[in-house]
C-alpha atoms as a PDB file:
ATOM      1  CA  MET A   1      -4.651 -15.940   8.518  1.00  0.00           C
ATOM      2  CA  GLN A   2      -4.516 -13.237  10.924  1.00  0.00           C
ATOM      3  CA  GLY A   3      -3.709  -9.394   8.990  1.00  0.00           C
ATOM      4  CA  ILE A   4      -3.815 -11.301   5.319  1.00  0.00           C
ATOM      5  CA  ASP A   5      -6.628  -9.955   3.360  1.00  0.00           C
ATOM      6  CA  ALA A   6      -6.444 -12.258   0.382  1.00  0.00           C
ATOM      7  CA  LEU A   7      -4.411 -14.899  -0.747  1.00  0.00           C
ATOM      8  CA  VAL A   8      -4.377 -15.047  -4.716  1.00  0.00           C
ATOM      9  CA  THR A   9      -2.389 -17.474  -7.022  1.00  0.00           C
ATOM     10  CA  VAL A  10      -0.998 -15.671  -9.857  1.00  0.00           C
ATOM     11  CA  ARG A  11       0.935 -18.060 -12.452  1.00  0.00           C
ATOM     12  CA  ASN A  12       1.324 -20.848  -9.549  1.00  0.00           C
ATOM     13  CA  VAL A  13       2.771 -18.646  -7.245  1.00  0.00           C
ATOM     14  CA  LYS A  14       0.682 -17.804  -3.574  1.00  0.00           C
ATOM     15  CA  VAL A  15       0.844 -13.987  -3.011  1.00  0.00           C
ATOM     16  CA  ALA A  16      -0.500 -12.626   0.143  1.00  0.00           C
ATOM     17  CA  LEU A  17      -2.402  -9.218  -0.045  1.00  0.00           C
ATOM     18  CA  GLN A  18      -2.702  -6.786   3.066  1.00  0.00           C
ATOM     19  CA  VAL A  19      -4.531  -3.718   2.385  1.00  0.00           C
ATOM     20  CA  LYS A  20      -3.146  -1.475   5.114  1.00  0.00           C
ATOM     21  CA  LYS A  21      -4.680   1.666   6.403  1.00  0.00           C
ATOM     22  CA  GLU A  22      -1.754   4.358   7.014  1.00  0.00           C
ATOM     23  CA  THR A  23      -1.664   5.161  10.725  1.00  0.00           C
ATOM     24  CA  TYR A  24       0.831   7.368  12.566  1.00  0.00           C
ATOM     25  CA  ARG A  25       0.580   5.243  15.514  1.00  0.00           C
ATOM     26  CA  THR A  26       3.831   3.684  16.520  1.00  0.00           C
ATOM     27  CA  GLU A  27       2.581   0.485  17.875  1.00  0.00           C
ATOM     28  CA  ALA A  28       0.651   0.109  14.633  1.00  0.00           C
ATOM     29  CA  ARG A  29       3.418   0.599  12.537  1.00  0.00           C
ATOM     30  CA  GLU A  30       5.858  -1.501  13.874  1.00  0.00           C
ATOM     31  CA  GLY A  31       6.910  -4.787  12.163  1.00  0.00           C
ATOM     32  CA  GLY A  32       5.132  -7.742  12.467  1.00  0.00           C
ATOM     33  CA  ARG A  33       1.605  -6.275  13.201  1.00  0.00           C
ATOM     34  CA  PHE A  34       0.130  -8.670  10.560  1.00  0.00           C
ATOM     35  CA  ALA A  35       0.616 -12.161   9.088  1.00  0.00           C
ATOM     36  CA  ARG A  36       0.636 -14.157  12.761  1.00  0.00           C
ATOM     37  CA  ARG A  37      -0.022 -16.956  11.387  1.00  0.00           C
ATOM     38  CA  LYS A  38       2.108 -18.890   7.978  1.00  0.00           C
ATOM     39  CA  VAL A  39       0.839 -20.197   5.073  1.00  0.00           C
ATOM     40  CA  GLN A  40       3.363 -20.897   2.261  1.00  0.00           C
ATOM     41  CA  THR A  41       3.784 -17.560   0.082  1.00  0.00           C
ATOM     42  CA  GLN A  42       6.146 -16.406  -2.033  1.00  0.00           C
ATOM     43  CA  LEU A  43       5.355 -13.057  -2.154  1.00  0.00           C
ATOM     44  CA  VAL A  44       3.253 -10.695   0.593  1.00  0.00           C
ATOM     45  CA  LEU A  45       2.644  -7.512  -0.699  1.00  0.00           C
ATOM     46  CA  GLU A  46       1.191  -4.530   0.958  1.00  0.00           C
ATOM     47  CA  VAL A  47      -1.664  -2.836  -0.417  1.00  0.00           C
ATOM     48  CA  PRO A  48      -1.800   0.607   1.441  1.00  0.00           C
ATOM     49  CA  TYR A  49      -5.129   3.067   1.208  1.00  0.00           C
ATOM     50  CA  THR A  50      -5.464   5.971   3.383  1.00  0.00           C
ATOM     51  CA  ILE A  51      -8.289   8.407   5.097  1.00  0.00           C
ATOM     52  CA  THR A  52      -7.068  10.823   5.078  1.00  0.00           C
ATOM     53  CA  ARG A  53      -7.544  13.456   2.152  1.00  0.00           C
ATOM     54  CA  TYR A  54      -4.856  14.814  -0.431  1.00  0.00           C
ATOM     55  CA  ASP A  55      -5.244  18.146   1.000  1.00  0.00           C
ATOM     56  CA  GLU A  56      -4.087  17.212   4.256  1.00  0.00           C
ATOM     57  CA  TRP A  57      -1.728  15.481   3.255  1.00  0.00           C
ATOM     58  CA  GLN A  58      -0.193  18.383   1.264  1.00  0.00           C
ATOM     59  CA  ARG A  59      -0.315  20.262   4.757  1.00  0.00           C
ATOM     60  CA  ARG A  60       1.422  17.627   6.570  1.00  0.00           C
ATOM     61  CA  ALA A  61       3.785  17.458   3.962  1.00  0.00           C
ATOM     62  CA  MET A  62       4.701  21.433   4.303  1.00  0.00           C
ATOM     63  CA  LYS A  63       4.586  21.049   8.266  1.00  0.00           C
ATOM     64  CA  ALA A  64       6.962  18.238   8.504  1.00  0.00           C
ATOM     65  CA  ARG A  65      10.241  18.679  10.236  1.00  0.00           C
ATOM     66  CA  THR A  66      11.834  15.641   8.991  1.00  0.00           C
ATOM     67  CA  ASP A  67      12.376  14.185   5.544  1.00  0.00           C
ATOM     68  CA  GLU A  68      11.315  10.569   6.508  1.00  0.00           C
ATOM     69  CA  THR A  69       8.009  12.458   7.912  1.00  0.00           C
ATOM     70  CA  ARG A  70       7.894  14.721   4.594  1.00  0.00           C
ATOM     71  CA  GLU A  71       8.084  11.576   2.414  1.00  0.00           C
ATOM     72  CA  ARG A  72       5.197  10.150   3.988  1.00  0.00           C
ATOM     73  CA  ALA A  73       3.158  12.448   3.320  1.00  0.00           C
ATOM     74  CA  ARG A  74       3.946  13.542   0.049  1.00  0.00           C
ATOM     75  CA  LEU A  75       3.452   9.566  -0.889  1.00  0.00           C
ATOM     76  CA  PHE A  76       0.371   9.235   0.830  1.00  0.00           C
ATOM     77  CA  GLY A  77      -0.834  12.560  -0.583  1.00  0.00           C
ATOM     78  CA  LEU A  78      -0.648  10.982  -4.158  1.00  0.00           C
ATOM     79  CA  LEU A  79      -2.442   7.578  -3.105  1.00  0.00           C
ATOM     80  CA  ALA A  80      -5.637  10.111  -2.060  1.00  0.00           C
ATOM     81  CA  GLU A  81      -5.409  12.010  -5.127  1.00  0.00           C
ATOM     82  CA  LYS A  82      -4.582   9.641  -8.121  1.00  0.00           C
ATOM     83  CA  PHE A  83      -5.516   6.467  -6.592  1.00  0.00           C
ATOM     84  CA  GLN A  84      -8.532   6.412  -3.668  1.00  0.00           C
ATOM     85  CA  GLN A  85     -12.050   8.232  -4.206  1.00  0.00           C
ATOM     86  CA  TRP A  86     -14.260   9.390  -1.326  1.00  0.00           C
ATOM     87  CA  LEU A  87     -17.900   8.820  -1.830  1.00  0.00           C
ATOM     88  CA  PRO A  88     -20.606  11.380  -0.561  1.00  0.00           C
ATOM     89  CA  ASN A  89     -21.138   8.967   2.473  1.00  0.00           C
ATOM     90  CA  GLY A  90     -17.578   9.542   3.543  1.00  0.00           C
ATOM     91  CA  PHE A  91     -16.656   5.540   2.520  1.00  0.00           C
ATOM     92  CA  VAL A  92     -12.935   5.680   0.551  1.00  0.00           C
ATOM     93  CA  ILE A  93     -12.753   3.516  -2.876  1.00  0.00           C
ATOM     94  CA  PHE A  94     -10.243   2.570  -4.934  1.00  0.00           C
ATOM     95  CA  GLN A  95     -10.047   4.049  -8.247  1.00  0.00           C
ATOM     96  CA  PRO A  96     -10.321   1.112 -11.171  1.00  0.00           C
ATOM     97  CA  GLY A  97      -7.046   1.482 -12.128  1.00  0.00           C
ATOM     98  CA  TYR A  98      -5.436   0.674  -8.799  1.00  0.00           C
ATOM     99  CA  PRO A  99      -6.029  -2.550  -8.828  1.00  0.00           C
ATOM    100  CA  TRP A 100      -4.836  -3.349 -12.034  1.00  0.00           C
ATOM    101  CA  LEU A 101      -1.773  -1.836 -11.300  1.00  0.00           C
ATOM    102  CA  ILE A 102      -1.412  -3.792  -7.802  1.00  0.00           C
ATOM    103  CA  GLU A 103      -1.495  -6.605 -10.629  1.00  0.00           C
ATOM    104  CA  GLN A 104       1.226  -5.320 -12.308  1.00  0.00           C
ATOM    105  CA  ILE A 105       3.628  -5.142  -9.034  1.00  0.00           C
ATOM    106  CA  ILE A 106       3.013  -8.830  -8.746  1.00  0.00           C
ATOM    107  CA  LEU A 107       3.355  -9.578 -11.873  1.00  0.00           C
ATOM    108  CA  LYS A 108       6.580  -7.921 -12.213  1.00  0.00           C
ATOM    109  CA  SER A 109       7.722  -9.528  -8.941  1.00  0.00           C
ATOM    110  CA  ILE A 110       7.083 -12.875 -10.198  1.00  0.00           C
ATOM    111  CA  GLN A 111       8.974 -12.016 -13.351  1.00  0.00           C
ATOM    112  CA  GLN A 112      11.888 -10.999 -11.133  1.00  0.00           C
ATOM    113  CA  ASP A 113      12.048 -14.771  -9.064  1.00  0.00           C
ATOM    114  CA  ARG A 114      11.043 -11.737  -5.832  1.00  0.00           C
ATOM    115  CA  GLN A 115      10.215 -13.469  -2.190  1.00  0.00           C
ATOM    116  CA  GLY A 116       9.462 -11.637   0.843  1.00  0.00           C
ATOM    117  CA  VAL A 117       7.667  -8.699   1.777  1.00  0.00           C
ATOM    118  CA  ILE A 118       6.493  -5.781  -0.332  1.00  0.00           C
ATOM    119  CA  GLY A 119       6.187  -3.063   2.112  1.00  0.00           C
ATOM    120  CA  TRP A 120       3.130  -0.146   1.518  1.00  0.00           C
ATOM    121  CA  ARG A 121       6.238   2.287   0.799  1.00  0.00           C
ATOM    122  CA  GLU A 122       7.635   0.392  -1.778  1.00  0.00           C
ATOM    123  CA  THR A 123       4.786  -0.225  -3.567  1.00  0.00           C
ATOM    124  CA  LEU A 124       3.384   3.682  -3.366  1.00  0.00           C
ATOM    125  CA  GLU A 125       7.093   4.246  -4.836  1.00  0.00           C
ATOM    126  CA  TRP A 126       6.532   2.061  -7.781  1.00  0.00           C
ATOM    127  CA  LEU A 127       2.929   3.205  -8.340  1.00  0.00           C
ATOM    128  CA  GLU A 128       4.481   6.690  -8.430  1.00  0.00           C
ATOM    129  CA  SER A 129       6.732   5.933 -11.269  1.00  0.00           C
ATOM    130  CA  LYS A 130       3.927   5.008 -13.247  1.00  0.00           C
ATOM    131  CA  VAL A 131       1.388   8.279 -12.822  1.00  0.00           C
ATOM    132  CA  GLN A 132       4.644  10.670 -13.880  1.00  0.00           C
END
């Protein structure tokens, strides 16, 4: 299925995962970018990652002209600082606790009988609530 990186079953609920890189390209951020072929899933969870380092996100937040841009930079800065690691060869990997927290989002959503898409922003806001 185009746009879906993993399809998992948790407590008899099919959950589609989209590992989603941040981007400033407008056409890439628009809705409908992913999941072109439908699979019967109750939940789609966008799992964000960034290739931009924390200090760059801080700089972007300081220079932001709008609250929305500032908030985006702050959330991706949190992701870069707390949930990702840069290897010497430039590859970006998730910290060990990140997949566990993603699983917690899924379990909470299933418990609440949630359906639909959990977007990257909601995912990052939930993660932020867990590190403070």
